[in-house]
Protein backbone atom coordinates (compact mmCIF):
# COMPACT_ATOMS: atom_id res chain seq x y z
CA MET A 1 181.45 153.38 163.38
CA LEU A 2 181.79 151.01 160.35
CA LYS A 3 185.25 149.79 159.17
CA ALA A 4 186.41 147.76 156.44
CA VAL A 5 187.02 144.14 157.85
CA GLU A 6 188.66 141.11 156.58
CA THR A 7 187.39 138.21 158.30
CA VAL A 8 189.57 135.00 158.34
CA LYS A 9 187.30 132.07 159.02
CA THR A 10 189.05 130.08 161.64
CA PRO A 11 187.11 127.68 163.80
CA SER A 12 186.84 130.26 166.43
CA VAL A 13 185.76 132.92 164.01
CA GLU A 14 183.15 130.57 162.50
CA ARG A 15 181.55 129.96 165.98
CA LEU A 16 181.04 133.62 166.61
CA LEU A 17 179.79 134.27 163.01
CA LYS A 18 176.92 131.68 163.74
CA LEU A 19 175.95 133.52 166.87
CA TRP A 20 176.04 136.89 165.02
CA ALA A 21 173.81 135.40 162.39
CA LYS A 22 171.39 134.19 165.10
CA ARG A 23 170.48 137.86 165.64
CA TYR A 24 168.58 138.00 162.29
CA THR A 25 166.15 135.13 162.64
CA LEU A 26 162.60 135.11 161.35
CA ASP A 27 160.22 136.58 163.89
CA PHE A 28 156.84 134.76 164.27
CA SER A 29 155.90 136.15 167.52
CA HIS A 30 153.03 138.29 166.04
CA VAL A 31 151.41 135.63 164.00
CA SER A 32 150.01 132.10 164.59
CA LEU A 33 151.72 129.35 162.76
CA ASP A 34 148.65 127.82 161.05
CA LYS A 35 148.20 126.50 157.61
CA TYR A 36 147.05 129.88 156.15
CA ILE A 37 150.32 131.75 157.43
CA HIS A 38 152.33 128.48 156.15
CA THR A 39 150.89 128.96 152.51
CA SER A 40 151.28 132.76 152.51
CA LEU A 41 154.84 132.66 153.70
CA LEU A 42 155.87 129.88 151.27
CA ALA A 43 154.41 132.17 148.49
CA THR A 44 156.13 135.35 149.77
CA ALA A 45 159.49 133.42 150.24
CA SER A 46 159.34 131.91 146.67
CA PRO A 47 161.65 133.38 144.04
CA GLU A 48 158.59 134.99 142.56
CA GLY A 49 157.24 136.32 145.79
CA ARG A 50 160.60 137.81 146.76
CA ALA A 51 161.00 139.31 143.32
CA PHE A 52 157.72 140.97 143.59
CA THR A 53 158.35 142.46 146.87
CA SER A 54 161.68 143.72 145.73
CA ALA A 55 160.25 145.11 142.40
CA ARG A 56 157.35 146.87 144.38
CA LEU A 57 159.77 148.61 146.73
CA MET A 58 162.22 149.53 144.10
CA LYS A 59 159.68 151.07 141.72
CA ASN A 60 158.31 153.73 143.94
CA LEU A 61 158.34 153.28 147.58
CA LEU A 62 162.03 152.83 148.30
CA ASP A 63 163.33 156.06 146.81
CA ILE A 64 160.40 157.98 148.50
CA ASN A 65 161.05 156.25 151.81
CA CYS A 66 164.86 157.02 151.69
CA GLN A 67 163.96 160.67 151.03
CA MET A 68 161.34 160.61 153.71
CA GLY A 69 163.74 159.10 156.08
CA CYS A 70 166.37 161.83 155.44
CA ILE A 71 163.70 164.58 155.99
CA GLN A 72 162.50 163.07 159.32
CA ALA A 73 166.10 162.73 160.41
CA LYS A 74 166.82 166.27 159.37
CA THR A 75 163.77 167.39 161.20
CA PHE A 76 164.74 165.48 164.33
CA TYR A 77 168.06 167.10 164.30
CA SER A 78 166.56 170.61 163.54
CA TYR A 79 167.92 171.83 166.66
CA ILE A 80 171.53 171.92 165.04
CA PRO A 81 171.28 174.70 162.50
CA ASN A 82 172.09 173.58 158.92
CA ILE A 83 173.38 170.21 160.12
CA ILE A 84 172.68 168.86 156.45
CA ASP A 85 172.36 171.13 153.59
CA LEU A 86 170.37 170.48 150.57
CA ASN A 87 173.17 168.96 148.39
CA GLU A 88 174.49 166.82 151.32
CA ALA A 89 170.96 165.62 151.91
CA ARG A 90 170.60 164.63 148.16
CA LEU A 91 173.99 162.74 148.16
CA ILE A 92 173.05 161.00 151.47
CA THR A 93 169.74 159.98 150.09
CA GLN A 94 171.30 158.50 146.95
CA PHE A 95 173.80 156.36 149.01
CA ALA A 96 170.86 155.21 151.31
CA PHE A 97 169.08 154.08 148.10
CA ARG A 98 172.03 152.24 147.00
CA VAL A 99 172.24 150.40 150.37
CA TYR A 100 168.75 149.18 150.45
CA LYS A 101 168.98 148.32 146.71
CA GLN A 102 171.89 146.03 147.24
CA THR A 103 170.08 144.55 150.31
CA LEU A 104 166.92 143.81 148.16
CA GLU A 105 169.07 142.14 145.52
CA PHE A 106 170.60 140.01 148.12
CA TYR A 107 167.22 139.25 149.69
CA GLU A 108 165.95 138.01 146.27
CA LYS A 109 168.92 135.62 145.89
CA ASN A 110 168.08 133.94 149.26
CA SER A 111 164.53 132.82 148.27
CA LEU A 112 165.31 129.02 148.22
CA GLN A 113 166.92 129.13 151.62
CA ALA A 114 163.91 130.98 153.08
CA HIS A 115 161.62 128.48 151.35
CA LEU A 116 163.28 125.54 152.93
CA SER A 117 163.53 127.30 156.30
CA ILE A 118 159.83 128.02 156.46
CA THR A 119 159.08 124.54 155.52
CA GLU A 120 161.38 123.25 158.24
CA ILE A 121 160.01 125.65 160.79
CA PHE A 122 156.37 124.08 160.19
CA GLU A 123 157.63 120.51 160.20
CA SER A 124 159.79 120.82 163.37
CA ASN A 125 158.04 123.61 165.15
CA ASN A 126 161.55 125.23 165.33
CA ILE A 127 161.34 129.07 164.83
CA SER A 128 165.06 129.68 165.29
CA ILE A 129 165.74 129.27 161.58
CA LEU A 130 168.04 131.90 160.34
CA GLY A 131 166.54 134.77 158.49
CA ILE A 132 169.91 135.64 156.55
CA SER A 133 172.03 132.88 155.25
CA GLU A 134 175.66 133.90 154.40
CA ILE A 135 175.78 136.87 156.76
CA THR A 136 179.43 137.64 155.84
CA GLU A 137 178.60 137.65 152.01
CA LEU A 138 175.95 140.11 152.73
CA ALA A 139 178.25 142.29 154.96
CA TYR A 140 180.88 142.23 152.28
CA LEU A 141 178.39 143.04 149.57
CA LEU A 142 177.21 146.21 151.46
CA GLU A 143 180.65 147.27 153.03
CA PRO A 144 181.71 149.49 150.00
CA VAL A 145 178.43 151.33 149.85
CA LEU A 146 178.03 151.76 153.56
CA LEU A 147 181.51 153.06 153.89
CA VAL A 148 180.89 155.69 151.37
CA PHE A 149 177.46 156.43 152.91
CA GLN A 150 179.16 156.94 156.29
CA GLU A 151 181.71 159.10 154.60
CA GLN A 152 178.89 161.40 153.23
CA HIS A 153 177.88 162.09 156.95
CA ILE A 154 181.42 162.54 158.26
CA ILE A 155 182.43 165.04 155.62
CA SER A 156 179.14 167.13 156.53
CA LYS A 157 179.87 170.60 157.81
CA ASP A 158 178.77 169.74 161.16
CA TRP A 159 180.53 166.71 162.97
CA ARG A 160 177.26 165.94 164.79
CA ALA A 161 175.81 164.63 161.47
CA LEU A 162 177.45 161.13 162.44
CA GLY A 163 174.46 160.63 164.50
CA PHE A 164 172.23 161.42 161.53
CA MET A 165 173.20 158.31 159.73
CA THR A 166 171.72 155.73 162.13
CA THR A 167 168.72 157.90 162.69
CA GLN A 168 168.01 158.12 158.87
CA ILE A 169 168.31 154.33 158.48
CA ASN A 170 165.99 153.89 161.56
CA PHE A 171 163.33 156.17 160.33
CA THR A 172 163.71 154.55 156.68
CA ASN A 173 163.26 151.11 158.03
CA GLN A 174 160.10 152.01 159.95
CA LEU A 175 158.81 153.69 156.68
CA ILE A 176 159.51 150.52 154.61
CA LEU A 177 158.11 148.28 157.35
CA LYS A 178 154.64 150.13 157.08
CA LYS A 179 154.35 149.36 153.19
CA LEU A 180 155.00 145.58 153.75
CA THR A 181 152.31 142.79 154.22
CA SER A 182 152.64 140.60 157.43
CA THR A 183 154.42 137.86 155.55
CA GLU A 184 156.87 140.26 153.78
CA LYS A 185 157.47 141.85 157.23
CA ILE A 186 158.74 138.40 158.72
CA LEU A 187 160.96 137.77 155.79
CA LEU A 188 162.43 141.32 155.20
CA THR A 189 162.74 142.55 158.71
CA PRO A 190 165.91 140.53 159.48
CA TYR A 191 167.60 142.46 156.59
CA LEU A 192 166.37 145.76 157.59
CA LYS A 193 167.77 145.08 161.23
CA PHE A 194 171.05 144.01 159.69
CA VAL A 195 171.43 147.18 157.88
CA GLU A 196 170.75 149.34 160.96
CA GLU A 197 173.19 147.22 163.17
CA GLN A 198 175.93 147.02 160.46
CA VAL A 199 176.41 150.78 160.61
CA ALA A 200 176.24 151.04 164.42
CA ILE A 201 177.42 147.92 166.10
CA PRO A 202 180.86 146.28 165.54
CA TRP A 203 179.74 142.63 165.46
CA GLN A 204 181.79 141.86 162.42
CA LEU A 205 184.86 143.12 164.17
CA VAL A 206 184.02 141.12 167.23
CA CYS A 207 183.88 137.93 165.17
CA ALA A 208 186.96 138.71 163.31
CA SER A 209 188.86 139.20 166.57
CA ALA A 210 188.40 135.80 167.55
CA THR A 211 190.97 134.55 165.20
CA LYS A 212 193.62 135.07 168.07
CA TYR A 213 191.91 132.55 170.27
CA GLU A 214 191.63 128.77 170.42
CA VAL A 215 188.03 127.38 170.25
CA ASP A 216 188.40 125.96 173.73
CA SER A 217 189.99 129.24 175.36
CA PRO A 218 188.14 130.60 178.40
CA GLU A 219 188.14 134.04 176.48
CA LEU A 220 186.22 132.64 173.52
CA ASN A 221 183.87 130.60 175.83
CA LEU A 222 183.18 133.71 177.70
CA ILE A 223 182.25 135.78 174.48
CA GLU A 224 180.12 133.12 173.21
CA GLN A 225 178.19 133.11 176.28
CA MET A 226 177.96 136.88 176.42
CA MET A 227 176.91 137.24 172.72
CA LEU A 228 174.10 134.81 173.41
CA ALA A 229 173.02 136.85 176.33
CA THR A 230 173.41 140.38 174.86
CA PRO A 231 169.74 140.73 173.76
CA GLU A 232 168.68 139.49 177.16
CA ILE A 233 170.90 141.87 179.02
CA ALA A 234 169.73 144.79 176.93
CA GLU A 235 166.04 144.11 177.46
CA SER A 236 166.64 143.64 181.31
CA ILE A 237 168.57 147.12 181.47
CA TYR A 238 165.84 148.77 179.52
CA ARG A 239 163.07 147.58 181.93
CA GLN A 240 165.16 148.82 184.77
CA LEU A 241 165.76 152.10 183.29
CA VAL A 242 161.82 152.58 182.81
CA GLU A 243 161.22 151.57 186.29
CA LEU A 244 163.97 153.66 187.84
CA LEU A 245 163.52 156.71 185.58
CA PRO A 246 159.69 156.95 185.16
CA ASN A 247 159.82 160.80 184.54
CA HIS A 248 162.60 160.64 181.99
CA TYR A 249 161.91 162.71 179.03
CA SER A 250 164.18 163.45 176.02
CA ARG A 251 163.74 165.30 172.72
CA ARG A 252 161.92 162.01 171.31
CA GLY A 253 159.64 161.64 174.26
CA GLU A 254 159.47 159.14 177.14
CA LEU A 255 161.48 156.03 177.68
CA SER A 256 158.51 153.86 177.21
CA ASN A 257 157.93 155.26 173.73
CA PRO A 258 158.40 152.39 171.33
CA SER A 259 160.77 154.25 169.04
CA ILE A 260 162.90 155.11 171.99
CA LYS A 261 162.65 151.63 173.31
CA HIS A 262 164.00 150.47 169.92
CA SER A 263 166.96 152.87 170.02
CA CYS A 264 167.70 152.04 173.59
CA LEU A 265 167.87 148.37 173.07
CA ARG A 266 169.92 148.91 169.87
CA ASP A 267 172.49 151.05 171.83
CA LEU A 268 172.58 148.66 174.80
CA ASN A 269 173.50 146.06 172.37
CA MET A 270 176.07 148.37 170.85
CA PHE A 271 177.70 149.10 174.12
CA GLN A 272 178.07 145.46 174.84
CA ALA A 273 179.41 144.61 171.35
CA TYR A 274 182.04 147.37 172.11
CA LEU A 275 183.00 145.59 175.28
CA TRP A 276 183.23 142.24 173.72
CA LEU A 277 185.56 143.94 171.11
CA CYS A 278 187.66 145.46 173.65
CA PHE A 279 187.95 142.22 175.64
CA LEU A 280 189.08 140.33 172.65
CA GLU A 281 191.50 142.97 171.43
CA LYS A 282 192.94 143.24 175.01
CA SER A 283 192.60 147.00 174.56
CA MET A 284 189.97 149.77 175.44
CA GLU A 285 190.93 151.81 172.24
CA SER A 286 187.63 151.04 170.50
CA ILE A 287 185.48 152.48 173.26
CA GLU A 288 187.87 155.30 173.94
CA ARG A 289 188.38 156.37 170.26
CA GLU A 290 184.92 155.34 168.76
CA LEU A 291 182.12 154.87 171.26
CA ILE A 292 182.67 157.61 173.51
CA PRO A 293 183.13 160.36 170.88
CA LEU A 294 179.97 159.04 169.16
CA CYS A 295 178.14 159.28 172.48
CA VAL A 296 179.42 162.92 173.00
CA MET A 297 178.64 163.98 169.44
CA VAL A 298 175.14 162.65 169.41
CA VAL A 299 173.53 162.78 172.88
CA LYS A 300 174.25 166.23 173.93
CA GLY A 301 171.35 167.72 171.96
CA VAL A 302 168.77 164.97 172.73
CA GLY A 303 167.90 166.47 175.94
CA ILE A 304 168.89 163.72 178.29
CA LYS A 305 170.14 164.32 181.90
CA TRP A 306 173.55 163.19 183.41
CA GLU A 307 171.47 160.84 185.85
CA MET A 308 170.69 158.62 182.70
CA THR A 309 174.25 158.05 182.08
CA GLU A 310 175.14 156.97 185.58
CA LYS A 311 172.05 154.50 185.57
CA TRP A 312 172.89 153.32 182.13
CA CYS A 313 176.54 152.39 182.82
CA GLN A 314 176.12 151.18 186.32
CA LEU A 315 173.22 148.91 185.09
CA LEU A 316 175.19 147.54 182.40
CA VAL A 317 178.16 146.56 184.69
CA ASP A 318 175.73 145.01 187.20
CA GLU A 319 173.66 143.03 184.69
CA ILE A 320 176.70 141.75 182.82
CA SER A 321 178.38 140.79 186.04
CA SER A 322 175.29 138.75 187.14
CA HIS A 323 175.87 136.51 184.28
CA LEU A 324 179.53 135.68 185.03
CA ASN A 325 181.01 133.04 187.43
CA ALA A 326 184.07 133.88 189.60
CA GLU A 327 186.72 133.19 186.98
CA GLN A 328 184.74 134.95 184.18
CA LYS A 329 184.65 138.07 186.50
CA MET A 330 188.35 138.11 186.78
CA LEU A 331 188.67 138.16 183.07
CA LEU A 332 186.07 140.66 182.22
CA CYS A 333 185.48 143.08 185.28
CA PRO A 334 188.76 145.11 184.62
CA TYR A 335 187.14 146.05 181.16
CA LEU A 336 183.85 146.89 182.83
CA GLN A 337 185.54 149.00 185.44
CA GLU A 338 187.63 150.81 182.79
CA MET A 339 184.71 151.54 180.68
CA GLN A 340 183.08 153.31 183.53
CA GLN A 341 186.21 155.20 184.24
CA LEU A 342 186.51 156.34 180.64
CA PHE A 343 183.10 157.82 180.65
CA LEU A 344 183.66 159.44 183.90
CA SER A 345 186.87 161.07 182.72
CA GLU A 346 185.25 162.30 179.60
CA ARG A 347 182.51 163.94 181.69
CA SER A 348 185.12 165.58 183.67
CA ARG A 349 187.03 166.78 180.70
CA LEU A 350 184.01 168.32 178.97
CA GLY A 351 182.62 169.75 182.22
CA TYR A 352 179.29 167.95 181.84
CA LYS A 353 176.81 168.27 184.80
CA GLU A 354 173.45 167.52 183.19
CA GLU A 355 174.13 166.29 179.72
CA LEU A 356 174.34 162.49 178.94
CA THR A 357 177.40 160.98 177.30
CA GLY A 358 176.23 157.29 177.58
CA GLY A 359 173.45 156.13 175.16
CA VAL A 360 172.67 157.17 171.60
CA ILE A 361 168.83 157.63 171.99
């Protein structure tokens, strides 16, 4: 759940902020870095190119896509009677529009950085150039409207509407991407990914929590290592889940479905971020009070079996442990074990036998 965050930029925090920003790099995996792409990217990344993209989306597509994203999410959650009524849907759509409007305005302002980054990529063949500069600036810009957007879901008549928020953003992002050119997708995808992660994954809180640690502390070194490995760990666990549960089927389809893969990877990243947060805070409160209730709220109606939870949590523990040396295991394993115990206790408390409480798919 998104919270207001005040980030004090100590050397330790700055190091984690750089790792957070690396999550939103330009992705060139689907194009060849030839002269034509170079020319096209430079034109799209120029102030004029970004202004054109932003104006085109703002004129017609953005409002329609936000409405369609809301409709698709409402359809997906149709098994919950009246989860969102007409007035609530209208308010939610309005705030979604504001989120994307502010994101596009920020995107326009970063045209120079993108232009220089693309030139550097082609000169050095380095594709790890950041897609978003000044990530805390974007986070603070979006924070007020995202908090109100979140509140619109929380005050809904049905508490399960919290899961509606991430689903709506995911659907809206996919609708927007379908309307972009290949070069626009390269430049805008990091921003859309940031919006989706910002409402679900506490990366900013993880970074802010580093203020308590010295830059050479074993705790900070461990979190730096694990933040870098987080996407790799998520991918590995997802592959194992597909292999171990070939017949798994939820309300959205099979695990191999691209949209379910996207959600699985996001949520595996989310689980890890909550672990890193709890580790830095020396408390399991964030998992106990935020992650577990969110899972209970969302997953029950998605049609997943309890078997998936056991695989999900155990694979997460095993995969993370495989990245640790003996000293790091002594530091982190108590938190991994406590996470498992918290989910088991919640299952017992609710009397779950078949339902999943560990993965917001």
